[in-house]
Amino acid sequence: MKERTPRRPLVEANLLDKVITYVNPKWGQQRQQSRTVLALSGGYTGARTDRAALSKWRTAAGSPNADIIGDLPTLRSRSRDQMRNAPVALGALNINNSHSIGTGLSCNPSINAAILLMSQEDADAWQLITKARFDAYAASKDCTLDRSCNFYQGQSLVHRSWKESGDHFVNLPLIERAGNSQHLVLELIEADRVCNPDRKSDTETLIDGIEFDPETGEALQVYVCKHHPGDRLVKNTWTPLRVRGRESGRRNVLHVFKPLRPGQKRGVPWIAPILEPLRQLSQYTDAELKAAVDSAITSFFTKMDPEAFDDLFNEEGKEKYLNESLGWDGKVAGDNQVVNLLPGEEVQNFTPGRPNPQFDPFVQAILRQIGVALEIPFEVLVMHFQSSYTAARGALLMAWKFFRMERDLIVTELCQPVYEEWLANEVRLGRIRAPGFFSDPLVRAAWCGAVWTGDGPGSVDPLKEVQAAKSRVDMGISTLESESILHDGVSWAAKHPQQVKEVNARKRDGLWTAPAGAPAPQPAHIERDQAG
């Protein structure tokens, strides 16, 4: 019978394995089994604990709320401190807000005429009237409870508050104002004001001021304190606000935030993951600035020979000289004067090595990492473009994707809900006619359709981008409406009447010429024959 060749082990024993097996065979066998299991299972290196870089890395798998809620007060206060005092943090927020919201997002009603069985002409007329009424409402400061801002300014304020604090709440009450007993207003509520009554601990159905349905997880109501928790000299009271009406389902409270995990109830400040590097970068910048200033005002040092000092003064004179030296403020004589030196003293130039030549490259390296975390390209973050047109345009396009996501969230969580509640109130009061608005959800959605437009992204090379836009329209893969909104945020329909007026005026005054490539005008007799 042929002798069987022993199978080679999956994991070869190294020198340490052999030593352990020799000293304690049982331990050696267990070690070999563990190594074999690891080899068979593969696994992630990041989960190992037998490496020096990972041995002290201790983490816990907390819930979305357990990982956030306890840290929120500190994160908010530090985030606001950076937004107030750190140029990089404030600049990033300003860039985000200016491009995402800018001068405000405008509502352009766009109803579904097919579902509503309306002609396009009737739909256009309805949209024109509704837009005019909403624009009048949005442009007035009567639309906010404290009359501090109009709707467009409120968009910017909500966006800034959301990014600084992690989330923002908007209450939508109907109050009596300007002769209207049912006027929709917006009450802007900062994140800190939504908290548990009397600072009670969280429960299964109450988390950081928001009460939830234990079965579905839907937010039922929020508890809003009358005064900001930072106003410590004022006694607070809490008011519960229903998120939706019990019977009507009306949206009473809007919660603007971006959840990062399923089940997350409160938002996290935008710069929370990079608070530490931002803080250290600010301290490093301050230290370098102070060193440069100190270097600039330091002219020279005076050096005295110790032997000469000992020979020139007795003990009383030495003490007097030292006391006077300690009281010197560092100033030297004015221009065109001579400074007398004592025997043994000499002037030495001061070479501080400031400004630090490595300061800017180091700061730029940190800013690139910060830009990656904030989804803002480095060139856009520092607002300095010194590379090629292609690189600059690529940076702007990448940034614009992020700004459009920010804009879409504000539209979804704030603008469109406010418009829908305003429209429902106008229909209820009979100011706007919308048959079937309250009887069928599909019909209501058709009436509430709208397109929100904002400021355009701007141009790096206007000539090239206009030519590209013309080519897209000529090829049929875009429209004048889309290109107009992309250019400056204003729809083509809004520009067309003014353009017709201008062209007709130029024709009347003999200043108009046909654009290049336009068909030649036909002779008058041909036009008469065609008309006949």
Protein backbone atom coordinates (compact mmCIF):
# COMPACT_ATOMS: atom_id res chain seq x y z
CA MET A 1 0.00 0.00 0.00
CA LYS A 2 1.35 3.38 -1.02
CA GLU A 3 2.22 5.65 1.90
CA ARG A 4 0.11 8.90 1.97
CA THR A 5 2.04 12.15 1.77
CA PRO A 6 1.19 14.43 4.73
CA ARG A 7 -0.80 17.56 3.75
CA ARG A 8 0.98 20.88 3.96
CA PRO A 9 -0.61 23.20 6.56
CA LEU A 10 -2.45 26.23 5.24
CA VAL A 11 -0.42 28.56 7.48
CA GLU A 12 3.24 27.79 7.96
CA ALA A 13 4.49 28.05 11.55
CA ASN A 14 7.00 30.83 12.06
CA LEU A 15 9.77 30.93 14.64
CA LEU A 16 7.51 32.44 17.31
CA ASP A 17 4.89 29.73 16.71
CA LYS A 18 7.49 27.03 17.17
CA VAL A 19 8.79 28.56 20.40
CA ILE A 20 5.28 28.86 21.85
CA THR A 21 4.43 25.29 20.82
CA TYR A 22 7.64 23.99 22.43
CA VAL A 23 6.91 25.82 25.72
CA ASN A 24 3.14 25.16 25.78
CA PRO A 25 1.76 22.84 23.08
CA LYS A 26 -1.84 23.77 23.92
CA TRP A 27 -1.22 27.49 23.38
CA GLY A 28 0.69 26.73 20.23
CA GLN A 29 -2.22 24.74 18.83
CA GLN A 30 -4.74 27.47 19.66
CA ARG A 31 -2.51 30.08 18.03
CA GLN A 32 -2.17 27.98 14.91
CA GLN A 33 -5.95 27.49 14.72
CA SER A 34 -6.57 31.24 15.10
CA ARG A 35 -4.11 32.06 12.34
CA THR A 36 -5.73 29.47 10.08
CA VAL A 37 -9.20 30.88 10.69
CA LEU A 38 -7.93 34.38 9.92
CA ALA A 39 -6.32 33.17 6.70
CA LEU A 40 -9.51 31.45 5.61
CA SER A 41 -11.81 34.35 6.47
CA GLY A 42 -9.73 37.10 4.91
CA GLY A 43 -11.13 40.07 6.88
CA TYR A 44 -10.25 43.75 6.98
CA THR A 45 -6.87 44.96 8.11
CA GLY A 46 -8.60 47.96 9.70
CA ALA A 47 -10.30 45.64 12.22
CA ARG A 48 -7.11 44.01 13.47
CA THR A 49 -5.73 44.74 16.92
CA ASP A 50 -2.37 42.95 16.66
CA ARG A 51 -0.72 45.84 14.82
CA ALA A 52 0.94 48.74 16.58
CA ALA A 53 -0.95 51.39 14.63
CA LEU A 54 -4.32 49.82 15.53
CA SER A 55 -3.72 48.31 18.96
CA LYS A 56 -4.95 51.41 20.86
CA TRP A 57 -7.78 52.28 18.50
CA ARG A 58 -10.92 51.70 20.56
CA THR A 59 -14.34 52.42 19.08
CA ALA A 60 -17.93 51.57 19.96
CA ALA A 61 -20.85 50.88 17.61
CA GLY A 62 -23.28 53.47 18.99
CA SER A 63 -26.70 54.30 17.59
CA PRO A 64 -27.16 57.33 15.31
CA ASN A 65 -28.45 59.35 18.25
CA ALA A 66 -26.10 58.01 20.93
CA ASP A 67 -23.12 59.04 18.81
CA ILE A 68 -24.47 62.58 18.33
CA ILE A 69 -26.83 63.93 20.99
CA GLY A 70 -24.40 64.16 23.91
CA ASP A 71 -21.82 66.06 21.85
CA LEU A 72 -24.20 68.50 20.16
CA PRO A 73 -24.00 71.44 22.63
CA THR A 74 -20.20 71.44 22.47
CA LEU A 75 -20.12 70.95 18.70
CA ARG A 76 -22.55 73.83 18.15
CA SER A 77 -20.68 76.25 20.39
CA ARG A 78 -17.32 75.38 18.84
CA SER A 79 -18.75 75.55 15.33
CA ARG A 80 -20.13 79.05 15.98
CA ASP A 81 -16.83 80.12 17.54
CA GLN A 82 -14.99 79.08 14.39
CA MET A 83 -17.57 80.81 12.19
CA ARG A 84 -17.01 84.00 14.18
CA ASN A 85 -13.23 83.95 14.52
CA ALA A 86 -11.61 81.57 11.99
CA PRO A 87 -11.20 83.04 8.47
CA VAL A 88 -11.17 79.60 6.81
CA ALA A 89 -14.41 78.42 8.46
CA LEU A 90 -16.19 81.72 7.86
CA GLY A 91 -14.97 81.86 4.27
CA ALA A 92 -16.18 78.32 3.55
CA LEU A 93 -19.63 79.13 4.97
CA ASN A 94 -19.87 82.40 3.03
CA ILE A 95 -18.87 80.69 -0.22
CA ASN A 96 -21.40 77.92 0.33
CA ASN A 97 -24.19 80.34 1.22
CA SER A 98 -23.42 82.79 -1.61
CA HIS A 99 -23.46 80.09 -4.30
CA SER A 100 -26.20 77.82 -2.93
CA ILE A 101 -28.69 80.54 -1.98
CA GLY A 102 -27.21 83.81 -3.19
CA THR A 103 -29.90 86.46 -3.61
CA GLY A 104 -32.60 83.86 -2.97
CA LEU A 105 -34.36 81.04 -4.79
CA SER A 106 -37.34 82.17 -6.88
CA CYS A 107 -40.54 80.20 -7.38
CA ASN A 108 -41.80 79.55 -10.89
CA PRO A 109 -45.15 77.70 -10.77
CA SER A 110 -45.20 74.78 -13.19
CA ILE A 111 -48.54 73.00 -12.95
CA ASN A 112 -49.35 69.73 -14.70
CA ALA A 113 -51.88 70.96 -17.25
CA ALA A 114 -52.57 67.45 -18.62
CA ILE A 115 -53.74 66.08 -15.27
CA LEU A 116 -55.75 69.23 -14.58
CA LEU A 117 -57.35 69.06 -18.05
CA MET A 118 -56.31 72.64 -18.82
CA SER A 119 -55.16 74.21 -22.05
CA GLN A 120 -51.60 75.50 -22.13
CA GLU A 121 -52.87 79.07 -22.48
CA ASP A 122 -55.01 78.73 -19.33
CA ALA A 123 -52.13 77.09 -17.49
CA ASP A 124 -49.77 79.92 -18.46
CA ALA A 125 -52.26 82.53 -17.28
CA TRP A 126 -52.77 80.74 -13.93
CA GLN A 127 -49.03 80.42 -13.41
CA LEU A 128 -48.45 84.10 -14.20
CA ILE A 129 -51.03 85.29 -11.66
CA THR A 130 -49.91 82.83 -8.96
CA LYS A 131 -46.26 83.76 -9.40
CA ALA A 132 -47.09 87.44 -9.07
CA ARG A 133 -49.05 86.83 -5.86
CA PHE A 134 -46.34 84.65 -4.31
CA ASP A 135 -43.57 87.08 -5.29
CA ALA A 136 -45.47 89.87 -3.52
CA TYR A 137 -45.80 87.68 -0.43
CA ALA A 138 -42.15 86.53 -0.47
CA ALA A 139 -40.71 90.01 -1.00
CA SER A 140 -42.49 91.43 2.05
CA LYS A 141 -41.13 91.18 5.58
CA ASP A 142 -44.69 90.42 6.68
CA CYS A 143 -43.96 86.81 5.78
CA THR A 144 -41.79 86.32 8.92
CA LEU A 145 -43.20 86.38 12.44
CA ASP A 146 -40.82 89.04 13.76
CA ARG A 147 -40.73 90.95 10.44
CA SER A 148 -36.93 90.77 10.48
CA CYS A 149 -36.50 89.55 6.89
CA ASN A 150 -38.38 88.58 3.77
CA PHE A 151 -38.57 85.04 2.40
CA TYR A 152 -35.44 85.34 0.26
CA GLN A 153 -33.39 86.68 3.16
CA GLY A 154 -34.91 83.98 5.35
CA GLN A 155 -33.63 81.29 2.99
CA SER A 156 -30.08 82.53 3.50
CA LEU A 157 -30.53 82.75 7.27
CA VAL A 158 -31.98 79.23 7.53
CA HIS A 159 -29.15 77.85 5.40
CA ARG A 160 -26.45 79.53 7.54
CA SER A 161 -28.10 78.40 10.77
CA TRP A 162 -28.42 74.84 9.48
CA LYS A 163 -24.73 74.68 8.53
CA GLU A 164 -23.55 76.26 11.79
CA SER A 165 -25.81 74.36 14.20
CA GLY A 166 -26.56 71.14 12.35
CA ASP A 167 -30.28 71.75 11.86
CA HIS A 168 -32.95 74.45 11.92
CA PHE A 169 -36.69 74.54 12.61
CA VAL A 170 -39.39 76.68 10.97
CA ASN A 171 -42.85 77.08 12.47
CA LEU A 172 -45.68 77.94 10.02
CA PRO A 173 -48.52 79.55 11.98
CA LEU A 174 -51.49 81.45 10.52
CA ILE A 175 -51.92 84.82 12.24
CA GLU A 176 -53.83 88.06 11.76
CA ARG A 177 -51.68 90.55 9.87
CA ALA A 178 -52.22 93.39 7.41
CA GLY A 179 -56.00 93.01 7.50
CA ASN A 180 -55.74 89.29 6.83
CA SER A 181 -56.92 86.96 9.59
CA GLN A 182 -55.22 83.93 7.99
CA HIS A 183 -51.78 85.22 7.00
CA LEU A 184 -49.04 82.56 6.73
CA VAL A 185 -45.83 83.57 8.53
CA LEU A 186 -42.51 81.87 9.17
CA GLU A 187 -41.08 81.64 12.69
CA LEU A 188 -37.37 80.83 12.43
CA ILE A 189 -36.25 78.68 15.38
CA GLU A 190 -32.57 78.07 16.11
CA ALA A 191 -31.55 74.50 16.90
CA ASP A 192 -30.76 75.13 20.60
CA ARG A 193 -34.33 76.21 21.36
CA VAL A 194 -35.66 72.73 20.57
CA CYS A 195 -34.78 70.70 23.67
CA ASN A 196 -36.39 68.54 26.35
CA PRO A 197 -38.69 70.46 28.73
CA ASP A 198 -36.92 71.39 31.97
CA ARG A 199 -33.81 69.63 30.62
CA LYS A 200 -35.27 66.19 31.27
CA SER A 201 -33.35 63.11 30.16
CA ASP A 202 -34.10 61.48 26.82
CA THR A 203 -36.57 58.63 26.68
CA GLU A 204 -37.53 56.05 24.08
CA THR A 205 -39.99 58.49 22.48
CA LEU A 206 -38.38 61.85 23.36
CA ILE A 207 -34.93 62.68 21.99
CA ASP A 208 -33.44 66.15 22.36
CA GLY A 209 -36.75 67.99 22.21
CA ILE A 210 -38.44 65.89 19.52
CA GLU A 211 -41.21 63.43 20.39
CA PHE A 212 -41.58 60.42 18.10
CA ASP A 213 -44.09 57.72 17.37
CA PRO A 214 -42.64 54.57 18.97
CA GLU A 215 -43.90 52.39 16.11
CA THR A 216 -43.06 54.37 12.99
CA GLY A 217 -40.37 56.75 14.27
CA GLU A 218 -42.26 59.71 12.78
CA ALA A 219 -41.75 63.04 14.54
CA LEU A 220 -45.02 64.01 16.28
CA GLN A 221 -44.15 67.26 18.01
CA VAL A 222 -41.23 69.42 19.05
CA TYR A 223 -40.73 71.27 22.33
CA VAL A 224 -39.58 74.86 21.81
CA CYS A 225 -38.33 76.96 24.71
CA LYS A 226 -39.41 80.59 24.70
CA HIS A 227 -35.92 81.97 25.26
CA HIS A 228 -32.59 80.74 23.98
CA PRO A 229 -30.88 78.47 26.55
CA GLY A 230 -27.95 80.89 26.45
CA ASP A 231 -30.13 83.58 28.08
CA ARG A 232 -29.44 82.29 31.57
CA LEU A 233 -31.00 85.21 33.43
CA VAL A 234 -34.47 84.46 32.02
CA LYS A 235 -36.74 81.68 33.23
CA ASN A 236 -37.71 79.43 30.36
CA THR A 237 -40.98 77.85 29.39
CA TRP A 238 -41.56 75.20 26.72
CA THR A 239 -44.29 75.07 24.08
CA PRO A 240 -45.12 71.81 22.26
CA LEU A 241 -45.70 72.28 18.53
CA ARG A 242 -47.37 69.59 16.44
CA VAL A 243 -45.27 68.70 13.39
CA ARG A 244 -48.43 67.94 11.42
CA GLY A 245 -52.09 68.67 12.09
CA ARG A 246 -53.96 65.80 13.73
CA GLU A 247 -56.87 65.86 11.30
CA SER A 248 -55.70 67.95 8.35
CA GLY A 249 -52.16 66.61 8.08
CA ARG A 250 -50.97 70.20 7.52
CA ARG A 251 -47.23 70.72 7.93
CA ASN A 252 -46.89 72.99 10.94
CA VAL A 253 -43.15 72.62 11.64
CA LEU A 254 -40.32 72.13 9.15
CA HIS A 255 -37.09 70.46 10.26
CA VAL A 256 -34.22 71.42 7.96
CA PHE A 257 -31.20 69.11 8.24
CA LYS A 258 -29.27 66.47 6.35
CA PRO A 259 -29.37 63.02 7.99
CA LEU A 260 -26.18 61.01 7.70
CA ARG A 261 -27.53 57.74 9.13
CA PRO A 262 -30.95 56.04 9.14
CA GLY A 263 -32.83 56.89 12.32
CA GLN A 264 -30.85 60.08 13.01
CA LYS A 265 -33.06 62.65 14.76
CA ARG A 266 -30.86 65.76 14.95
CA GLY A 267 -28.31 67.25 12.59
CA VAL A 268 -24.57 67.75 13.06
CA PRO A 269 -22.75 71.06 12.35
CA TRP A 270 -21.17 71.16 8.91
CA ILE A 271 -17.59 71.58 10.18
CA ALA A 272 -17.90 69.11 13.10
CA PRO A 273 -15.49 66.51 11.56
CA ILE A 274 -12.78 69.12 11.01
CA LEU A 275 -13.11 71.28 14.13
CA GLU A 276 -9.75 70.12 15.49
CA PRO A 277 -7.64 70.85 12.38
CA LEU A 278 -9.47 74.16 11.89
CA ARG A 279 -8.71 75.20 15.46
CA GLN A 280 -5.07 74.16 15.22
CA LEU A 281 -4.69 75.93 11.88
CA SER A 282 -6.05 79.13 13.43
CA GLN A 283 -3.65 78.86 16.38
CA TYR A 284 -0.71 78.17 14.06
CA THR A 285 -1.63 81.16 11.88
CA ASP A 286 -1.93 83.41 14.94
CA ALA A 287 1.44 82.23 16.25
CA GLU A 288 3.16 82.88 12.91
CA LEU A 289 1.52 86.29 12.62
CA LYS A 290 2.59 87.27 16.13
CA ALA A 291 6.14 86.07 15.49
CA ALA A 292 6.31 88.11 12.28
CA VAL A 293 5.01 91.23 14.06
CA ASP A 294 7.45 90.78 16.94
CA SER A 295 10.27 90.34 14.43
CA ALA A 296 9.29 93.48 12.53
CA ILE A 297 9.39 95.74 15.63
CA THR A 298 12.65 94.29 17.02
CA SER A 299 15.58 96.31 15.65
CA PHE A 300 18.72 94.96 17.34
CA PHE A 301 20.25 93.59 20.55
CA THR A 302 22.88 95.33 22.69
CA LYS A 303 25.61 93.02 23.94
CA MET A 304 27.92 93.87 26.87
CA ASP A 305 31.26 92.27 27.67
CA PRO A 306 30.87 90.63 31.12
CA GLU A 307 34.42 91.60 32.15
CA ALA A 308 33.86 95.23 31.20
CA PHE A 309 30.58 95.25 33.14
CA ASP A 310 32.37 93.90 36.21
CA ASP A 311 35.19 96.44 35.92
CA LEU A 312 32.99 99.49 35.29
CA PHE A 313 30.49 99.13 38.13
CA ASN A 314 30.59 98.40 41.82
CA GLU A 315 27.81 96.39 43.44
CA GLU A 316 25.57 99.43 43.91
CA GLY A 317 26.14 100.57 40.32
CA LYS A 318 25.47 97.10 38.95
CA GLU A 319 22.15 96.92 40.78
CA LYS A 320 21.11 100.39 39.58
CA TYR A 321 22.07 99.59 35.98
CA LEU A 322 20.11 96.32 36.01
CA ASN A 323 17.03 97.97 37.51
CA GLU A 324 17.08 100.67 34.83
CA SER A 325 17.53 98.02 32.13
CA LEU A 326 14.50 96.12 33.38
CA GLY A 327 12.41 99.28 33.14
CA TRP A 328 13.40 100.05 29.51
CA ASP A 329 10.43 99.71 27.13
CA GLY A 330 12.62 98.70 24.16
CA LYS A 331 12.31 101.98 22.30
CA VAL A 332 15.40 103.60 20.79
CA ALA A 333 16.24 107.21 19.99
CA GLY A 334 14.49 108.96 17.09
CA ASP A 335 15.81 109.64 13.60
CA ASN A 336 19.25 111.21 13.07
CA GLN A 337 20.33 110.75 16.69
CA VAL A 338 23.31 108.99 18.16
CA VAL A 339 22.97 106.31 20.85
CA ASN A 340 25.91 106.33 23.23
CA LEU A 341 27.20 102.88 24.20
CA LEU A 342 29.01 102.08 27.38
CA PRO A 343 32.50 100.58 27.21
CA GLY A 344 32.20 96.89 26.39
CA GLU A 345 28.77 97.24 24.67
CA GLU A 346 28.22 96.46 21.00
CA VAL A 347 25.17 96.35 18.73
CA GLN A 348 24.21 93.04 17.11
CA ASN A 349 21.71 92.74 14.26
CA PHE A 350 18.63 90.57 14.87
CA THR A 351 17.82 87.93 12.22
CA PRO A 352 14.45 86.40 13.21
CA GLY A 353 13.72 84.13 10.22
CA ARG A 354 10.19 85.51 9.88
CA PRO A 355 7.97 85.38 7.92
CA ASN A 356 8.41 81.60 7.77
CA PRO A 357 8.93 80.57 4.11
CA GLN A 358 7.31 77.19 4.83
CA PHE A 359 4.14 78.74 6.22
CA ASP A 360 2.19 79.06 2.98
CA PRO A 361 2.96 75.57 1.55
CA PHE A 362 1.99 73.97 4.87
CA VAL A 363 -1.25 75.95 5.17
CA GLN A 364 -2.18 75.09 1.58
CA ALA A 365 -1.68 71.38 2.30
CA ILE A 366 -4.07 71.59 5.27
CA LEU A 367 -6.59 73.62 3.29
CA ARG A 368 -6.67 70.94 0.59
CA GLN A 369 -7.70 68.37 3.21
CA ILE A 370 -10.30 70.76 4.63
CA GLY A 371 -11.66 71.36 1.13
CA VAL A 372 -12.03 67.62 0.55
CA ALA A 373 -14.00 67.26 3.79
CA LEU A 374 -16.29 70.18 2.88
CA GLU A 375 -16.69 69.12 -0.79
CA ILE A 376 -15.28 72.47 -1.94
CA PRO A 377 -12.28 72.35 -4.30
CA PHE A 378 -9.15 74.08 -3.02
CA GLU A 379 -9.23 76.82 -5.68
CA VAL A 380 -12.82 77.70 -4.80
CA LEU A 381 -12.17 77.50 -1.04
CA VAL A 382 -9.31 80.03 -1.19
CA MET A 383 -10.97 81.98 -4.06
CA HIS A 384 -7.71 82.03 -6.00
CA PHE A 385 -7.39 80.62 -9.52
CA GLN A 386 -3.87 80.50 -10.91
CA SER A 387 -3.95 77.34 -13.02
CA SER A 388 -5.26 76.74 -16.54
CA TYR A 389 -8.76 77.42 -17.83
CA THR A 390 -9.51 73.69 -17.86
CA ALA A 391 -8.43 73.23 -14.24
CA ALA A 392 -10.33 76.31 -13.08
CA ARG A 393 -13.49 75.24 -14.89
CA GLY A 394 -13.15 71.72 -13.50
CA ALA A 395 -12.91 73.10 -9.96
CA LEU A 396 -16.00 75.27 -10.48
CA LEU A 397 -17.99 72.37 -11.95
CA MET A 398 -17.12 70.14 -9.00
CA ALA A 399 -18.07 72.90 -6.57
CA TRP A 400 -21.29 73.60 -8.45
CA LYS A 401 -22.43 69.98 -8.00
CA PHE A 402 -22.13 70.45 -4.25
CA PHE A 403 -23.91 73.82 -4.35
CA ARG A 404 -26.78 72.30 -6.34
CA MET A 405 -27.17 69.56 -3.72
CA GLU A 406 -27.32 72.24 -1.02
CA ARG A 407 -29.87 74.18 -3.06
CA ASP A 408 -31.97 71.07 -3.64
CA LEU A 409 -32.13 70.35 0.10
CA ILE A 410 -33.27 73.90 0.87
CA VAL A 411 -35.91 73.64 -1.86
CA THR A 412 -37.13 70.26 -0.61
CA GLU A 413 -37.14 71.03 3.10
CA LEU A 414 -38.04 74.74 3.13
CA CYS A 415 -39.04 76.48 -0.11
CA GLN A 416 -41.48 73.98 -1.61
CA PRO A 417 -43.28 73.21 1.68
CA VAL A 418 -43.71 76.94 2.35
CA TYR A 419 -45.07 77.48 -1.17
CA GLU A 420 -47.49 74.56 -0.84
CA GLU A 421 -48.84 75.84 2.49
CA TRP A 422 -49.13 79.37 1.12
CA LEU A 423 -50.98 78.09 -1.97
CA ALA A 424 -53.32 75.96 0.15
CA ASN A 425 -54.13 78.99 2.27
CA GLU A 426 -54.76 81.16 -0.80
CA VAL A 427 -57.06 78.52 -2.30
CA ARG A 428 -58.88 78.12 1.02
CA LEU A 429 -59.49 81.88 1.19
CA GLY A 430 -60.70 81.97 -2.43
CA ARG A 431 -57.93 84.21 -3.74
CA ILE A 432 -56.67 81.58 -6.18
CA ARG A 433 -58.95 79.19 -8.03
CA ALA A 434 -57.77 75.56 -8.04
CA PRO A 435 -60.63 73.04 -8.46
CA GLY A 436 -60.11 69.71 -6.69
CA PHE A 437 -57.17 71.03 -4.64
CA PHE A 438 -58.39 69.56 -1.33
CA SER A 439 -60.26 66.54 -2.66
CA ASP A 440 -57.57 64.55 -4.51
CA PRO A 441 -53.85 64.28 -3.56
CA LEU A 442 -52.89 63.82 -7.21
CA VAL A 443 -54.74 66.97 -8.27
CA ARG A 444 -53.21 68.89 -5.36
CA ALA A 445 -49.71 67.78 -6.41
CA ALA A 446 -50.48 68.91 -9.98
CA TRP A 447 -51.47 72.38 -8.73
CA CYS A 448 -48.41 72.63 -6.47
CA GLY A 449 -45.80 71.94 -9.14
CA ALA A 450 -43.02 74.54 -9.20
CA VAL A 451 -39.47 75.05 -10.42
CA TRP A 452 -37.11 76.94 -8.12
CA THR A 453 -34.32 78.93 -9.72
CA GLY A 454 -31.38 80.79 -8.23
CA ASP A 455 -28.26 82.63 -9.25
CA GLY A 456 -26.24 81.02 -12.05
CA PRO A 457 -22.73 79.59 -11.58
CA GLY A 458 -21.01 82.37 -13.53
CA SER A 459 -18.50 81.95 -16.34
CA VAL A 460 -14.78 81.34 -16.56
CA ASP A 461 -14.65 82.05 -20.31
CA PRO A 462 -18.02 83.59 -21.37
CA LEU A 463 -17.37 83.31 -25.12
CA LYS A 464 -16.65 79.57 -25.01
CA GLU A 465 -19.61 78.88 -22.73
CA VAL A 466 -22.05 80.87 -24.86
CA GLN A 467 -20.90 78.99 -27.96
CA ALA A 468 -21.35 75.70 -26.12
CA ALA A 469 -24.85 76.73 -25.01
CA LYS A 470 -25.80 77.66 -28.60
CA SER A 471 -24.52 74.31 -29.84
CA ARG A 472 -26.56 72.41 -27.25
CA VAL A 473 -29.74 74.27 -28.24
CA ASP A 474 -29.07 73.80 -31.99
CA MET A 475 -28.50 70.06 -31.47
CA GLY A 476 -31.76 69.76 -29.56
CA ILE A 477 -30.21 68.42 -26.35
CA SER A 478 -31.07 71.59 -24.41
CA THR A 479 -33.54 74.47 -24.50
CA LEU A 480 -33.41 78.25 -24.27
CA GLU A 481 -35.16 77.96 -20.91
CA SER A 482 -32.55 75.59 -19.48
CA GLU A 483 -29.62 77.60 -20.79
CA SER A 484 -31.10 80.86 -19.54
CA ILE A 485 -31.55 79.49 -16.02
CA LEU A 486 -28.06 77.99 -16.07
CA HIS A 487 -26.61 81.34 -17.14
CA ASP A 488 -28.06 83.69 -14.54
CA GLY A 489 -30.99 81.91 -12.87
CA VAL A 490 -33.65 83.89 -14.76
CA SER A 491 -36.07 81.98 -16.99
CA TRP A 492 -36.25 82.58 -20.75
CA ALA A 493 -39.96 83.41 -20.47
CA ALA A 494 -39.16 86.36 -18.19
CA LYS A 495 -36.65 87.77 -20.67
CA HIS A 496 -38.62 87.19 -23.88
CA PRO A 497 -41.17 90.07 -23.59
CA GLN A 498 -38.39 92.58 -22.95
CA GLN A 499 -36.38 91.22 -25.86
CA VAL A 500 -39.40 91.58 -28.19
CA LYS A 501 -39.88 95.16 -27.00
CA GLU A 502 -36.22 95.99 -27.62
CA VAL A 503 -36.13 94.41 -31.10
CA ASN A 504 -39.34 96.19 -32.18
CA ALA A 505 -38.00 99.51 -30.89
CA ARG A 506 -34.72 99.08 -32.80
CA LYS A 507 -36.61 98.16 -35.99
CA ARG A 508 -38.85 101.20 -35.63
CA ASP A 509 -35.87 103.51 -35.26
CA GLY A 510 -33.86 101.86 -38.04
CA LEU A 511 -31.15 100.46 -35.78
CA TRP A 512 -31.93 96.75 -36.12
CA THR A 513 -29.83 94.41 -38.28
CA ALA A 514 -30.45 90.73 -38.86
CA PRO A 515 -28.19 88.43 -36.83
CA ALA A 516 -25.42 86.64 -38.71
CA GLY A 517 -26.73 83.48 -40.33
CA ALA A 518 -30.38 84.59 -40.25
CA PRO A 519 -32.42 84.10 -43.49
CA ALA A 520 -32.52 87.15 -45.77
CA PRO A 521 -35.76 89.21 -45.64
CA GLN A 522 -38.15 88.55 -48.49
CA PRO A 523 -39.12 91.32 -50.99
CA ALA A 524 -42.37 93.13 -50.24
CA HIS A 525 -44.23 91.77 -53.34
CA ILE A 526 -43.54 88.17 -52.27
CA GLU A 527 -44.86 88.90 -48.80
CA ARG A 528 -48.06 90.42 -50.37
CA ASP A 529 -48.54 87.38 -52.63
CA GLN A 530 -48.15 85.00 -49.65
CA ALA A 531 -50.58 87.05 -47.61
CA GLY A 532 -53.11 87.03 -50.47
